[in-house]
Amino acid sequence: MGHLGAIVIIVIVFAIVVFRSRTTHFECPNCDHSFKVSSLNYIFTLHAGLSRFATCPNCGKGALMTPVGDKN
């Protein structure tokens, strides 16, 4: 695979992650607060499988949370 192929793959993965960050939210397991994170936070945060580390802006609890699809 040449440099162009690698760049194309990186751009596609970036676009998918940005789309996913804009169409999902997190629900805090501690206080049930629903919240969104920025695309950059979504991309560069610690993650395991589909779960990502997020900190609830309501109660401050940080944990691995699975993104939930937005209703709209």
Protein backbone atom coordinates (compact mmCIF):
# COMPACT_ATOMS: atom_id res chain seq x y z
CA MET A 1 0.00 0.00 0.00
CA GLY A 2 1.41 3.37 -0.97
CA HIS A 3 1.29 6.63 0.90
CA LEU A 4 -1.90 7.65 -0.88
CA GLY A 5 -3.68 4.49 0.26
CA ALA A 6 -2.65 5.06 3.86
CA ILE A 7 -3.85 8.66 3.73
CA VAL A 8 -7.20 7.57 2.29
CA ILE A 9 -7.67 5.02 5.08
CA ILE A 10 -6.79 7.58 7.76
CA VAL A 11 -9.25 10.11 6.31
CA ILE A 12 -12.03 7.49 6.15
CA VAL A 13 -11.44 6.35 9.74
CA PHE A 14 -11.35 9.98 10.93
CA ALA A 15 -14.65 10.73 9.14
CA ILE A 16 -16.33 7.67 10.66
CA VAL A 17 -15.19 8.58 14.19
CA VAL A 18 -16.31 12.21 13.82
CA PHE A 19 -19.71 11.04 12.53
CA ARG A 20 -20.06 8.60 15.44
CA SER A 21 -19.13 11.30 17.97
CA ARG A 22 -21.82 13.59 16.57
CA THR A 23 -24.57 10.95 16.52
CA THR A 24 -24.02 9.38 19.95
CA HIS A 25 -23.97 10.43 23.58
CA PHE A 26 -22.97 8.90 26.91
CA GLU A 27 -25.13 8.08 29.93
CA CYS A 28 -23.37 8.28 33.27
CA PRO A 29 -23.67 5.03 35.25
CA ASN A 30 -23.41 7.03 38.49
CA CYS A 31 -26.08 9.75 38.06
CA ASP A 32 -27.85 8.83 34.75
CA HIS A 33 -26.93 12.21 33.20
CA SER A 34 -26.78 12.16 29.36
CA PHE A 35 -23.96 14.13 27.75
CA LYS A 36 -21.89 14.48 24.59
CA VAL A 37 -18.13 14.88 24.22
CA SER A 38 -16.19 16.76 21.54
CA SER A 39 -15.01 14.94 18.43
CA LEU A 40 -11.36 15.37 19.49
CA ASN A 41 -12.10 13.96 22.95
CA TYR A 42 -13.93 11.05 21.32
CA ILE A 43 -11.01 10.33 18.97
CA PHE A 44 -8.12 10.60 21.43
CA THR A 45 -9.63 9.23 24.65
CA LEU A 46 -8.80 5.85 26.13
CA HIS A 47 -11.10 3.19 24.74
CA ALA A 48 -11.64 -0.55 24.92
CA GLY A 49 -13.77 -2.13 22.24
CA LEU A 50 -16.79 0.10 21.76
CA SER A 51 -16.51 1.71 25.20
CA ARG A 52 -14.66 4.98 25.74
CA PHE A 53 -13.44 6.69 28.88
CA ALA A 54 -15.65 9.68 29.60
CA THR A 55 -16.06 11.98 32.57
CA CYS A 56 -19.59 13.06 33.47
CA PRO A 57 -19.90 16.85 33.55
CA ASN A 58 -22.71 16.54 36.11
CA CYS A 59 -21.14 14.43 38.86
CA GLY A 60 -17.49 14.22 37.78
CA LYS A 61 -17.43 10.41 37.67
CA GLY A 62 -15.01 9.05 35.05
CA ALA A 63 -15.53 5.56 33.66
CA LEU A 64 -15.54 3.45 30.53
CA MET A 65 -18.93 4.09 28.97
CA THR A 66 -20.54 2.72 25.84
CA PRO A 67 -21.87 5.41 23.48
CA VAL A 68 -25.64 5.39 22.98
CA GLY A 69 -27.20 6.43 19.67
CA ASP A 70 -29.02 9.76 19.64
CA LYS A 71 -32.79 9.60 19.10
CA ASN A 72 -32.80 12.19 16.29
